[in-house]
PDB file of N, CA and C in Angstrom:
ATOM      1  N   MET A   1     140.610 115.241 132.197  1.00  0.00           N
ATOM      2  CA  MET A   1     140.354 116.613 131.829  1.00  0.00           C
ATOM      3  C   MET A   1     140.907 117.532 132.910  1.00  0.00           C
ATOM      4  N   PRO A   2     141.485 118.624 132.518  1.00  0.00           N
ATOM      5  CA  PRO A   2     142.020 119.545 133.519  1.00  0.00           C
ATOM      6  C   PRO A   2     140.921 120.089 134.420  1.00  0.00           C
ATOM      7  N   ALA A   3     141.275 120.405 135.649  1.00  0.00           N
ATOM      8  CA  ALA A   3     140.304 120.905 136.625  1.00  0.00           C
ATOM      9  C   ALA A   3     139.710 122.243 136.202  1.00  0.00           C
ATOM     10  N   ASP A   4     140.466 123.052 135.454  1.00  0.00           N
ATOM     11  CA  ASP A   4     139.966 124.370 135.060  1.00  0.00           C
ATOM     12  C   ASP A   4     139.193 124.344 133.738  1.00  0.00           C
ATOM     13  N   PHE A   5     138.959 123.163 133.220  1.00  0.00           N
ATOM     14  CA  PHE A   5     138.213 123.055 131.965  1.00  0.00           C
ATOM     15  C   PHE A   5     136.750 123.385 132.223  1.00  0.00           C
ATOM     16  N   PRO A   6     136.037 123.983 131.254  1.00  0.00           N
ATOM     17  CA  PRO A   6     134.627 124.344 131.477  1.00  0.00           C
ATOM     18  C   PRO A   6     133.805 123.140 131.943  1.00  0.00           C
ATOM     19  N   ASP A   7     132.966 123.368 132.944  1.00  0.00           N
ATOM     20  CA  ASP A   7     132.161 122.280 133.516  1.00  0.00           C
ATOM     21  C   ASP A   7     131.286 121.599 132.476  1.00  0.00           C
ATOM     22  N   TRP A   8     130.705 122.371 131.545  1.00  0.00           N
ATOM     23  CA  TRP A   8     129.794 121.767 130.574  1.00  0.00           C
ATOM     24  C   TRP A   8     130.526 120.756 129.702  1.00  0.00           C
ATOM     25  N   VAL A   9     131.799 121.007 129.389  1.00  0.00           N
ATOM     26  CA  VAL A   9     132.562 120.053 128.574  1.00  0.00           C
ATOM     27  C   VAL A   9     132.748 118.759 129.351  1.00  0.00           C
ATOM     28  N   ARG A  10     133.101 118.889 130.617  1.00  0.00           N
ATOM     29  CA  ARG A  10     133.318 117.710 131.456  1.00  0.00           C
ATOM     30  C   ARG A  10     132.033 116.902 131.599  1.00  0.00           C
ATOM     31  N   VAL A  11     130.902 117.577 131.797  1.00  0.00           N
ATOM     32  CA  VAL A  11     129.621 116.903 132.013  1.00  0.00           C
ATOM     33  C   VAL A  11     129.098 116.294 130.712  1.00  0.00           C
ATOM     34  N   VAL A  12     129.122 117.072 129.658  1.00  0.00           N
ATOM     35  CA  VAL A  12     128.511 116.641 128.398  1.00  0.00           C
ATOM     36  C   VAL A  12     129.371 115.612 127.659  1.00  0.00           C
ATOM     37  N   LEU A  13     130.649 115.859 127.564  1.00  0.00           N
ATOM     38  CA  LEU A  13     131.500 114.995 126.747  1.00  0.00           C
ATOM     39  C   LEU A  13     132.105 113.823 127.504  1.00  0.00           C
ATOM     40  N   SER A  14     132.396 113.983 128.748  1.00  0.00           N
ATOM     41  CA  SER A  14     133.059 112.997 129.594  1.00  0.00           C
ATOM     42  C   SER A  14     134.547 112.916 129.245  1.00  0.00           C
ATOM     43  N   GLU A  15     135.303 112.550 130.249  1.00  0.00           N
ATOM     44  CA  GLU A  15     136.751 112.454 130.054  1.00  0.00           C
ATOM     45  C   GLU A  15     137.102 111.406 129.008  1.00  0.00           C
ATOM     46  N   ALA A  16     136.432 110.273 129.049  1.00  0.00           N
ATOM     47  CA  ALA A  16     136.751 109.190 128.113  1.00  0.00           C
ATOM     48  C   ALA A  16     136.495 109.617 126.667  1.00  0.00           C
ATOM     49  N   ARG A  17     135.408 110.317 126.432  1.00  0.00           N
ATOM     50  CA  ARG A  17     135.088 110.749 125.071  1.00  0.00           C
ATOM     51  C   ARG A  17     136.034 111.842 124.586  1.00  0.00           C
ATOM     52  N   PHE A  18     136.434 112.733 125.488  1.00  0.00           N
ATOM     53  CA  PHE A  18     137.266 113.870 125.114  1.00  0.00           C
ATOM     54  C   PHE A  18     138.751 113.514 125.025  1.00  0.00           C
ATOM     55  N   ALA A  19     139.160 112.426 125.669  1.00  0.00           N
ATOM     56  CA  ALA A  19     140.578 112.047 125.740  1.00  0.00           C
ATOM     57  C   ALA A  19     141.261 111.942 124.378  1.00  0.00           C
ATOM     58  N   PRO A  20     140.669 111.303 123.365  1.00  0.00           N
ATOM     59  CA  PRO A  20     141.363 111.219 122.074  1.00  0.00           C
ATOM     60  C   PRO A  20     141.623 112.592 121.441  1.00  0.00           C
ATOM     61  N   TYR A  21     140.699 113.519 121.636  1.00  0.00           N
ATOM     62  CA  TYR A  21     140.872 114.863 121.089  1.00  0.00           C
ATOM     63  C   TYR A  21     141.982 115.603 121.830  1.00  0.00           C
ATOM     64  N   LEU A  22     142.021 115.427 123.128  1.00  0.00           N
ATOM     65  CA  LEU A  22     143.047 116.057 123.945  1.00  0.00           C
ATOM     66  C   LEU A  22     144.424 115.501 123.584  1.00  0.00           C
ATOM     67  N   ALA A  23     144.482 114.188 123.363  1.00  0.00           N
ATOM     68  CA  ALA A  23     145.759 113.560 122.970  1.00  0.00           C
ATOM     69  C   ALA A  23     146.197 114.062 121.593  1.00  0.00           C
ATOM     70  N   ALA A  24     145.254 114.124 120.656  1.00  0.00           N
ATOM     71  CA  ALA A  24     145.582 114.587 119.298  1.00  0.00           C
ATOM     72  C   ALA A  24     146.038 116.038 119.289  1.00  0.00           C
ATOM     73  N   ALA A  25     145.547 116.805 120.244  1.00  0.00           N
ATOM     74  CA  ALA A  25     145.913 118.222 120.335  1.00  0.00           C
ATOM     75  C   ALA A  25     147.115 118.440 121.239  1.00  0.00           C
ATOM     76  N   GLY A  26     147.785 117.372 121.616  1.00  0.00           N
ATOM     77  CA  GLY A  26     148.982 117.493 122.435  1.00  0.00           C
ATOM     78  C   GLY A  26     148.724 118.074 123.807  1.00  0.00           C
ATOM     79  N   GLY A  27     147.535 117.846 124.349  1.00  0.00           N
ATOM     80  CA  GLY A  27     147.193 118.337 125.675  1.00  0.00           C
ATOM     81  C   GLY A  27     146.650 119.757 125.701  1.00  0.00           C
ATOM     82  N   ASP A  28     146.574 120.389 124.556  1.00  0.00           N
ATOM     83  CA  ASP A  28     146.048 121.762 124.473  1.00  0.00           C
ATOM     84  C   ASP A  28     144.520 121.693 124.502  1.00  0.00           C
ATOM     85  N   GLU A  29     143.913 122.100 125.631  1.00  0.00           N
ATOM     86  CA  GLU A  29     142.467 121.962 125.811  1.00  0.00           C
ATOM     87  C   GLU A  29     141.666 122.749 124.775  1.00  0.00           C
ATOM     88  N   ALA A  30     142.089 123.973 124.485  1.00  0.00           N
ATOM     89  CA  ALA A  30     141.361 124.794 123.514  1.00  0.00           C
ATOM     90  C   ALA A  30     141.432 124.175 122.127  1.00  0.00           C
ATOM     91  N   ALA A  31     142.600 123.679 121.763  1.00  0.00           N
ATOM     92  CA  ALA A  31     142.751 123.034 120.453  1.00  0.00           C
ATOM     93  C   ALA A  31     141.926 121.749 120.403  1.00  0.00           C
ATOM     94  N   ALA A  32     141.902 121.015 121.514  1.00  0.00           N
ATOM     95  CA  ALA A  32     141.120 119.779 121.562  1.00  0.00           C
ATOM     96  C   ALA A  32     139.641 120.068 121.383  1.00  0.00           C
ATOM     97  N   LEU A  33     139.163 121.134 122.001  1.00  0.00           N
ATOM     98  CA  LEU A  33     137.754 121.501 121.858  1.00  0.00           C
ATOM     99  C   LEU A  33     137.448 121.925 120.421  1.00  0.00           C
ATOM    100  N   ARG A  34     138.366 122.672 119.809  1.00  0.00           N
ATOM    101  CA  ARG A  34     138.177 123.040 118.388  1.00  0.00           C
ATOM    102  C   ARG A  34     138.155 121.794 117.515  1.00  0.00           C
ATOM    103  N   LEU A  35     139.027 120.839 117.800  1.00  0.00           N
ATOM    104  CA  LEU A  35     139.070 119.585 117.052  1.00  0.00           C
ATOM    105  C   LEU A  35     137.767 118.801 117.228  1.00  0.00           C
ATOM    106  N   TYR A  36     137.248 118.797 118.437  1.00  0.00           N
ATOM    107  CA  TYR A  36     135.978 118.112 118.687  1.00  0.00           C
ATOM    108  C   TYR A  36     134.867 118.718 117.834  1.00  0.00           C
ATOM    109  N   TRP A  37     134.770 120.046 117.824  1.00  0.00           N
ATOM    110  CA  TRP A  37     133.714 120.703 117.050  1.00  0.00           C
ATOM    111  C   TRP A  37     133.938 120.550 115.558  1.00  0.00           C
ATOM    112  N   TRP A  38     135.184 120.487 115.114  1.00  0.00           N
ATOM    113  CA  TRP A  38     135.468 120.205 113.709  1.00  0.00           C
ATOM    114  C   TRP A  38     134.925 118.823 113.352  1.00  0.00           C
ATOM    115  N   ASN A  39     135.142 117.860 114.235  1.00  0.00           N
ATOM    116  CA  ASN A  39     134.628 116.510 114.009  1.00  0.00           C
ATOM    117  C   ASN A  39     133.098 116.501 113.936  1.00  0.00           C
ATOM    118  N   VAL A  40     132.459 117.292 114.785  1.00  0.00           N
ATOM    119  CA  VAL A  40     130.993 117.405 114.740  1.00  0.00           C
ATOM    120  C   VAL A  40     130.553 117.931 113.373  1.00  0.00           C
ATOM    121  N   ARG A  41     131.231 118.951 112.879  1.00  0.00           N
ATOM    122  CA  ARG A  41     130.858 119.531 111.571  1.00  0.00           C
ATOM    123  C   ARG A  41     131.083 118.537 110.433  1.00  0.00           C
ATOM    124  N   VAL A  42     132.168 117.782 110.492  1.00  0.00           N
ATOM    125  CA  VAL A  42     132.427 116.762 109.463  1.00  0.00           C
ATOM    126  C   VAL A  42     131.325 115.699 109.509  1.00  0.00           C
ATOM    127  N   SER A  43     130.988 115.249 110.708  1.00  0.00           N
ATOM    128  CA  SER A  43     129.915 114.255 110.850  1.00  0.00           C
ATOM    129  C   SER A  43     128.597 114.797 110.303  1.00  0.00           C
ATOM    130  N   GLU A  44     128.324 116.051 110.610  1.00  0.00           N
ATOM    131  CA  GLU A  44     127.107 116.706 110.129  1.00  0.00           C
ATOM    132  C   GLU A  44     127.071 116.738 108.598  1.00  0.00           C
ATOM    133  N   ALA A  45     128.220 116.939 107.973  1.00  0.00           N
ATOM    134  CA  ALA A  45     128.282 116.993 106.517  1.00  0.00           C
ATOM    135  C   ALA A  45     127.933 115.643 105.884  1.00  0.00           C
ATOM    136  N   PHE A  46     128.229 114.557 106.576  1.00  0.00           N
ATOM    137  CA  PHE A  46     127.925 113.227 106.054  1.00  0.00           C
ATOM    138  C   PHE A  46     126.464 112.840 106.222  1.00  0.00           C
ATOM    139  N   TYR A  47     125.750 113.485 107.110  1.00  0.00           N
ATOM    140  CA  TYR A  47     124.397 113.056 107.456  1.00  0.00           C
ATOM    141  C   TYR A  47     123.451 112.959 106.256  1.00  0.00           C
ATOM    142  N   PRO A  48     123.358 113.961 105.365  1.00  0.00           N
ATOM    143  CA  PRO A  48     122.423 113.822 104.240  1.00  0.00           C
ATOM    144  C   PRO A  48     122.718 112.602 103.362  1.00  0.00           C
ATOM    145  N   SER A  49     123.990 112.348 103.101  1.00  0.00           N
ATOM    146  CA  SER A  49     124.347 111.184 102.284  1.00  0.00           C
ATOM    147  C   SER A  49     124.006 109.886 102.992  1.00  0.00           C
ATOM    148  N   LEU A  50     124.287 109.815 104.286  1.00  0.00           N
ATOM    149  CA  LEU A  50     123.955 108.611 105.040  1.00  0.00           C
ATOM    150  C   LEU A  50     122.449 108.401 105.104  1.00  0.00           C
ATOM    151  N   HIS A  51     121.702 109.489 105.229  1.00  0.00           N
ATOM    152  CA  HIS A  51     120.241 109.400 105.243  1.00  0.00           C
ATOM    153  C   HIS A  51     119.740 108.804 103.923  1.00  0.00           C
ATOM    154  N   CYS A  52     120.237 109.327 102.810  1.00  0.00           N
ATOM    155  CA  CYS A  52     119.807 108.816 101.499  1.00  0.00           C
ATOM    156  C   CYS A  52     120.199 107.356 101.317  1.00  0.00           C
ATOM    157  N   LEU A  53     121.396 106.994 101.760  1.00  0.00           N
ATOM    158  CA  LEU A  53     121.834 105.600 101.676  1.00  0.00           C
ATOM    159  C   LEU A  53     120.916 104.697 102.491  1.00  0.00           C
ATOM    160  N   GLU A  54     120.562 105.123 103.700  1.00  0.00           N
ATOM    161  CA  GLU A  54     119.684 104.318 104.555  1.00  0.00           C
ATOM    162  C   GLU A  54     118.314 104.125 103.910  1.00  0.00           C
ATOM    163  N   VAL A  55     117.754 105.179 103.341  1.00  0.00           N
ATOM    164  CA  VAL A  55     116.446 105.077 102.685  1.00  0.00           C
ATOM    165  C   VAL A  55     116.535 104.165 101.468  1.00  0.00           C
ATOM    166  N   ALA A  56     117.590 104.326 100.669  1.00  0.00           N
ATOM    167  CA  ALA A  56     117.754 103.479  99.476  1.00  0.00           C
ATOM    168  C   ALA A  56     117.915 102.015  99.868  1.00  0.00           C
ATOM    169  N   LEU A  57     118.705 101.747 100.897  1.00  0.00           N
ATOM    170  CA  LEU A  57     118.897 100.369 101.350  1.00  0.00           C
ATOM    171  C   LEU A  57     117.600  99.782 101.884  1.00  0.00           C
ATOM    172  N   ARG A  58     116.877 100.551 102.679  1.00  0.00           N
ATOM    173  CA  ARG A  58     115.607 100.081 103.231  1.00  0.00           C
ATOM    174  C   ARG A  58     114.620  99.773 102.113  1.00  0.00           C
ATOM    175  N   ASN A  59     114.518 100.655 101.126  1.00  0.00           N
ATOM    176  CA  ASN A  59     113.589 100.433 100.015  1.00  0.00           C
ATOM    177  C   ASN A  59     114.000  99.241  99.163  1.00  0.00           C
ATOM    178  N   ALA A  60     115.309  99.080  98.936  1.00  0.00           N
ATOM    179  CA  ALA A  60     115.787  97.933  98.157  1.00  0.00           C
ATOM    180  C   ALA A  60     115.492  96.623  98.889  1.00  0.00           C
ATOM    181  N   LEU A  61     115.714  96.606 100.207  1.00  0.00           N
ATOM    182  CA  LEU A  61     115.394  95.409 100.989  1.00  0.00           C
ATOM    183  C   LEU A  61     113.900  95.096 100.934  1.00  0.00           C
ATOM    184  N   HIS A  62     113.086  96.132 101.094  1.00  0.00           N
ATOM    185  CA  HIS A  62     111.643  95.929 101.043  1.00  0.00           C
ATOM    186  C   HIS A  62     111.226  95.365  99.681  1.00  0.00           C
ATOM    187  N   ASP A  63     111.734  95.960  98.601  1.00  0.00           N
ATOM    188  CA  ASP A  63     111.384  95.489  97.257  1.00  0.00           C
ATOM    189  C   ASP A  63     111.798  94.037  97.053  1.00  0.00           C
ATOM    190  N   ARG A  64     112.996  93.676  97.485  1.00  0.00           N
ATOM    191  CA  ARG A  64     113.476  92.306  97.312  1.00  0.00           C
ATOM    192  C   ARG A  64     112.677  91.323  98.159  1.00  0.00           C
ATOM    193  N   LEU A  65     112.357  91.707  99.387  1.00  0.00           N
ATOM    194  CA  LEU A  65     111.574  90.817 100.238  1.00  0.00           C
ATOM    195  C   LEU A  65     110.145  90.669  99.723  1.00  0.00           C
ATOM    196  N   CYS A  66     109.596  91.718  99.137  1.00  0.00           N
ATOM    197  CA  CYS A  66     108.275  91.605  98.498  1.00  0.00           C
ATOM    198  C   CYS A  66     108.345  90.625  97.328  1.00  0.00           C
ATOM    199  N   GLU A  67     109.408  90.750  96.559  1.00  0.00           N
ATOM    200  CA  GLU A  67     109.598  89.867  95.404  1.00  0.00           C
ATOM    201  C   GLU A  67     109.749  88.410  95.851  1.00  0.00           C
ATOM    202  N   LEU A  68     110.574  88.177  96.859  1.00  0.00           N
ATOM    203  CA  LEU A  68     110.804  86.809  97.332  1.00  0.00           C
ATOM    204  C   LEU A  68     109.570  86.186  97.961  1.00  0.00           C
ATOM    205  N   SER A  69     108.796  86.977  98.694  1.00  0.00           N
ATOM    206  CA  SER A  69     107.625  86.432  99.376  1.00  0.00           C
ATOM    207  C   SER A  69     106.371  86.471  98.510  1.00  0.00           C
ATOM    208  N   GLY A  70     106.401  87.277  97.452  1.00  0.00           N
ATOM    209  CA  GLY A  70     105.243  87.396  96.583  1.00  0.00           C
ATOM    210  C   GLY A  70     104.132  88.253  97.178  1.00  0.00           C
ATOM    211  N   ARG A  71     104.463  89.082  98.163  1.00  0.00           N
ATOM    212  CA  ARG A  71     103.446  89.935  98.774  1.00  0.00           C
ATOM    213  C   ARG A  71     104.092  91.173  99.387  1.00  0.00           C
ATOM    214  N   SER A  72     103.294  92.228  99.526  1.00  0.00           N
ATOM    215  CA  SER A  72     103.829  93.485 100.043  1.00  0.00           C
ATOM    216  C   SER A  72     103.948  93.496 101.561  1.00  0.00           C
ATOM    217  N   ASP A  73     103.255  92.599 102.230  1.00  0.00           N
ATOM    218  CA  ASP A  73     103.379  92.501 103.692  1.00  0.00           C
ATOM    219  C   ASP A  73     104.234  91.284 104.053  1.00  0.00           C
ATOM    220  N   TRP A  74     105.416  91.221 103.464  1.00  0.00           N
ATOM    221  CA  TRP A  74     106.315  90.082 103.614  1.00  0.00           C
ATOM    222  C   TRP A  74     106.613  89.728 105.066  1.00  0.00           C
ATOM    223  N   TRP A  75     106.574  90.707 105.955  1.00  0.00           N
ATOM    224  CA  TRP A  75     106.907  90.449 107.362  1.00  0.00           C
ATOM    225  C   TRP A  75     105.880  89.568 108.050  1.00  0.00           C
ATOM    226  N   THR A  76     104.724  89.364 107.430  1.00  0.00           N
ATOM    227  CA  THR A  76     103.708  88.497 108.031  1.00  0.00           C
ATOM    228  C   THR A  76     103.928  87.024 107.683  1.00  0.00           C
ATOM    229  N   VAL A  77     104.802  86.737 106.722  1.00  0.00           N
ATOM    230  CA  VAL A  77     104.994  85.352 106.293  1.00  0.00           C
ATOM    231  C   VAL A  77     106.417  84.829 106.462  1.00  0.00           C
ATOM    232  N   ILE A  78     107.366  85.695 106.777  1.00  0.00           N
ATOM    233  CA  ILE A  78     108.733  85.210 106.957  1.00  0.00           C
ATOM    234  C   ILE A  78     108.906  84.661 108.364  1.00  0.00           C
ATOM    235  N   PRO A  79     109.796  83.678 108.532  1.00  0.00           N
ATOM    236  CA  PRO A  79     110.040  83.155 109.879  1.00  0.00           C
ATOM    237  C   PRO A  79     110.810  84.185 110.702  1.00  0.00           C
ATOM    238  N   LEU A  80     110.369  84.408 111.912  1.00  0.00           N
ATOM    239  CA  LEU A  80     111.014  85.357 112.807  1.00  0.00           C
ATOM    240  C   LEU A  80     111.475  84.662 114.070  1.00  0.00           C
ATOM    241  N   THR A  81     112.537  85.172 114.643  1.00  0.00           N
ATOM    242  CA  THR A  81     112.976  84.697 115.954  1.00  0.00           C
ATOM    243  C   THR A  81     112.018  85.266 116.997  1.00  0.00           C
ATOM    244  N   ALA A  82     112.156  84.808 118.223  1.00  0.00           N
ATOM    245  CA  ALA A  82     111.318  85.341 119.306  1.00  0.00           C
ATOM    246  C   ALA A  82     111.523  86.849 119.441  1.00  0.00           C
ATOM    247  N   ASP A  83     112.765  87.303 119.319  1.00  0.00           N
ATOM    248  CA  ASP A  83     113.039  88.729 119.414  1.00  0.00           C
ATOM    249  C   ASP A  83     112.409  89.476 118.242  1.00  0.00           C
ATOM    250  N   GLY A  84     112.478  88.905 117.058  1.00  0.00           N
ATOM    251  CA  GLY A  84     111.852  89.521 115.889  1.00  0.00           C
ATOM    252  C   GLY A  84     110.341  89.634 116.045  1.00  0.00           C
ATOM    253  N   ARG A  85     109.711  88.585 116.598  1.00  0.00           N
ATOM    254  CA  ARG A  85     108.264  88.630 116.842  1.00  0.00           C
ATOM    255  C   ARG A  85     107.910  89.694 117.874  1.00  0.00           C
ATOM    256  N   ARG A  86     108.744  89.837 118.906  1.00  0.00           N
ATOM    257  CA  ARG A  86     108.517  90.851 119.930  1.00  0.00           C
ATOM    258  C   ARG A  86     108.630  92.252 119.330  1.00  0.00           C
ATOM    259  N   ILE A  87     109.639  92.472 118.508  1.00  0.00           N
ATOM    260  CA  ILE A  87     109.833  93.781 117.877  1.00  0.00           C
ATOM    261  C   ILE A  87     108.674  94.094 116.931  1.00  0.00           C
ATOM    262  N   LEU A  88     108.237  93.106 116.157  1.00  0.00           N
ATOM    263  CA  LEU A  88     107.116  93.306 115.249  1.00  0.00           C
ATOM    264  C   LEU A  88     105.833  93.613 116.025  1.00  0.00           C
ATOM    265  N   ALA A  89     105.587  92.895 117.109  1.00  0.00           N
ATOM    266  CA  ALA A  89     104.388  93.157 117.929  1.00  0.00           C
ATOM    267  C   ALA A  89     104.420  94.574 118.502  1.00  0.00           C
ATOM    268  N   ALA A  90     105.594  95.005 118.944  1.00  0.00           N
ATOM    269  CA  ALA A  90     105.723  96.366 119.475  1.00  0.00           C
ATOM    270  C   ALA A  90     105.470  97.396 118.374  1.00  0.00           C
ATOM    271  N   ALA A  91     105.956  97.136 117.170  1.00  0.00           N
ATOM    272  CA  ALA A  91     105.722  98.053 116.046  1.00  0.00           C
ATOM    273  C   ALA A  91     104.234  98.100 115.698  1.00  0.00           C
ATOM    274  N   GLN A  92     103.581  96.938 115.694  1.00  0.00           N
ATOM    275  CA  GLN A  92     102.146  96.900 115.407  1.00  0.00           C
ATOM    276  C   GLN A  92     101.363  97.699 116.443  1.00  0.00           C
ATOM    277  N   GLU A  93     101.727  97.531 117.704  1.00  0.00           N
ATOM    278  CA  GLU A  93     101.035  98.254 118.775  1.00  0.00           C
ATOM    279  C   GLU A  93     101.247  99.764 118.635  1.00  0.00           C
ATOM    280  N   LYS A  94     102.457 100.163 118.308  1.00  0.00           N
ATOM    281  CA  LYS A  94     102.764 101.585 118.156  1.00  0.00           C
ATOM    282  C   LYS A  94     101.982 102.201 116.995  1.00  0.00           C
ATOM    283  N   VAL A  95     101.932 101.497 115.877  1.00  0.00           N
ATOM    284  CA  VAL A  95     101.193 101.999 114.714  1.00  0.00           C
ATOM    285  C   VAL A  95      99.706 102.065 115.022  1.00  0.00           C
ATOM    286  N   THR A  96      99.179 101.057 115.686  1.00  0.00           N
ATOM    287  CA  THR A  96      97.757 101.036 116.038  1.00  0.00           C
ATOM    288  C   THR A  96      97.401 102.206 116.949  1.00  0.00           C
ATOM    289  N   ARG A  97      98.255 102.488 117.925  1.00  0.00           N
ATOM    290  CA  ARG A  97      98.017 103.632 118.816  1.00  0.00           C
ATOM    291  C   ARG A  97      98.002 104.944 118.031  1.00  0.00           C
ATOM    292  N   ARG A  98      98.864 105.061 117.056  1.00  0.00           N
ATOM    293  CA  ARG A  98      98.990 106.316 116.310  1.00  0.00           C
ATOM    294  C   ARG A  98      97.919 106.493 115.236  1.00  0.00           C
ATOM    295  N   THR A  99      97.556 105.406 114.557  1.00  0.00           N
ATOM    296  CA  THR A  99      96.720 105.559 113.357  1.00  0.00           C
ATOM    297  C   THR A  99      95.437 104.753 113.360  1.00  0.00           C
ATOM    298  N   GLY A 100      95.298 103.826 114.263  1.00  0.00           N
ATOM    299  CA  GLY A 100      94.124 102.967 114.266  1.00  0.00           C
ATOM    300  C   GLY A 100      94.478 101.562 113.827  1.00  0.00           C
ATOM    301  N   PRO A 101      93.581 100.605 114.027  1.00  0.00           N
ATOM    302  CA  PRO A 101      93.892  99.187 113.812  1.00  0.00           C
ATOM    303  C   PRO A 101      94.019  98.745 112.359  1.00  0.00           C
ATOM    304  N   ASP A 102      93.601  99.540 111.381  1.00  0.00           N
ATOM    305  CA  ASP A 102      93.630  99.087 109.990  1.00  0.00           C
ATOM    306  C   ASP A 102      94.944  99.357 109.275  1.00  0.00           C
ATOM    307  N   THR A 103      95.894  99.986 109.904  1.00  0.00           N
ATOM    308  CA  THR A 103      97.161 100.319 109.266  1.00  0.00           C
ATOM    309  C   THR A 103      98.164  99.212 109.496  1.00  0.00           C
ATOM    310  N   ARG A 104      98.856  98.820 108.429  1.00  0.00           N
ATOM    311  CA  ARG A 104      99.861  97.764 108.568  1.00  0.00           C
ATOM    312  C   ARG A 104     101.178  98.372 109.042  1.00  0.00           C
ATOM    313  N   PRO A 105     101.860  97.708 109.968  1.00  0.00           N
ATOM    314  CA  PRO A 105     103.121  98.250 110.482  1.00  0.00           C
ATOM    315  C   PRO A 105     104.283  98.041 109.526  1.00  0.00           C
ATOM    316  N   ILE A 106     105.275  98.853 109.674  1.00  0.00           N
ATOM    317  CA  ILE A 106     106.530  98.671 108.962  1.00  0.00           C
ATOM    318  C   ILE A 106     107.448  97.908 109.904  1.00  0.00           C
ATOM    319  N   PRO A 107     108.066  96.836 109.436  1.00  0.00           N
ATOM    320  CA  PRO A 107     108.922  96.059 110.335  1.00  0.00           C
ATOM    321  C   PRO A 107     110.166  96.838 110.724  1.00  0.00           C
ATOM    322  N   SER A 108     110.779  96.395 111.791  1.00  0.00           N
ATOM    323  CA  SER A 108     112.005  97.021 112.266  1.00  0.00           C
ATOM    324  C   SER A 108     113.163  96.577 111.387  1.00  0.00           C
ATOM    325  N   TRP A 109     113.743  97.510 110.669  1.00  0.00           N
ATOM    326  CA  TRP A 109     114.869  97.174 109.793  1.00  0.00           C
ATOM    327  C   TRP A 109     116.088  96.764 110.605  1.00  0.00           C
ATOM    328  N   ARG A 110     116.222  97.330 111.813  1.00  0.00           N
ATOM    329  CA  ARG A 110     117.332  96.938 112.669  1.00  0.00           C
ATOM    330  C   ARG A 110     117.279  95.437 112.951  1.00  0.00           C
ATOM    331  N   SER A 111     116.070  94.946 113.236  1.00  0.00           N
ATOM    332  CA  SER A 111     115.958  93.527 113.554  1.00  0.00           C
ATOM    333  C   SER A 111     116.138  92.661 112.330  1.00  0.00           C
ATOM    334  N   CYS A 112     115.757  93.164 111.167  1.00  0.00           N
ATOM    335  CA  CYS A 112     115.914  92.377 109.947  1.00  0.00           C
ATOM    336  C   CYS A 112     117.381  92.245 109.544  1.00  0.00           C
ATOM    337  N   LEU A 113     118.185  93.258 109.889  1.00  0.00           N
ATOM    338  CA  LEU A 113     119.581  93.258 109.472  1.00  0.00           C
ATOM    339  C   LEU A 113     120.533  92.735 110.533  1.00  0.00           C
ATOM    340  N   SER A 114     120.097  92.653 111.762  1.00  0.00           N
ATOM    341  CA  SER A 114     120.995  92.205 112.811  1.00  0.00           C
ATOM    342  C   SER A 114     121.030  90.684 112.866  1.00  0.00           C
ATOM    343  N   ALA A 115     122.138  90.149 113.295  1.00  0.00           N
ATOM    344  CA  ALA A 115     122.267  88.698 113.394  1.00  0.00           C
ATOM    345  C   ALA A 115     121.263  88.118 114.365  1.00  0.00           C
ATOM    346  N   SER A 116     120.953  88.844 115.427  1.00  0.00           N
ATOM    347  CA  SER A 116     120.016  88.322 116.420  1.00  0.00           C
ATOM    348  C   SER A 116     118.579  88.367 115.949  1.00  0.00           C
ATOM    349  N   GLY A 117     118.284  89.169 114.901  1.00  0.00           N
ATOM    350  CA  GLY A 117     116.906  89.302 114.455  1.00  0.00           C
ATOM    351  C   GLY A 117     116.558  88.381 113.304  1.00  0.00           C
ATOM    352  N   CYS A 118     117.514  87.637 112.796  1.00  0.00           N
ATOM    353  CA  CYS A 118     117.262  86.760 111.658  1.00  0.00           C
ATOM    354  C   CYS A 118     117.238  85.302 112.107  1.00  0.00           C
ATOM    355  N   PRO A 119     116.364  84.516 111.488  1.00  0.00           N
ATOM    356  CA  PRO A 119     116.321  83.088 111.868  1.00  0.00           C
ATOM    357  C   PRO A 119     117.553  82.355 111.404  1.00  0.00           C
TER     358      PRO A 119
END
């Protein structure tokens, strides 16, 4: 990043993150910054659709796992890796702190979908 570039850009974005925008703008710092903010707006436009997709996928997974296990608390009967058990215990503790001991936790979807979280 050029030495005369605004300090906040250098601190917040970092040279490595800003480099592709600067290259695409042919070294024009102002154009690169406009390109960066354009990218932010495009990403922002996708957020509602991605949110709906994530909710639909999570609900579909939950419904299928309920169907396969024959129960709504499927996470209590499926085999989990050590990491999956740790994540589930942390979720249970978090829910208990927030709502009390009678509330069932929602499992971590990240762990259910990641290769490391599946048996």
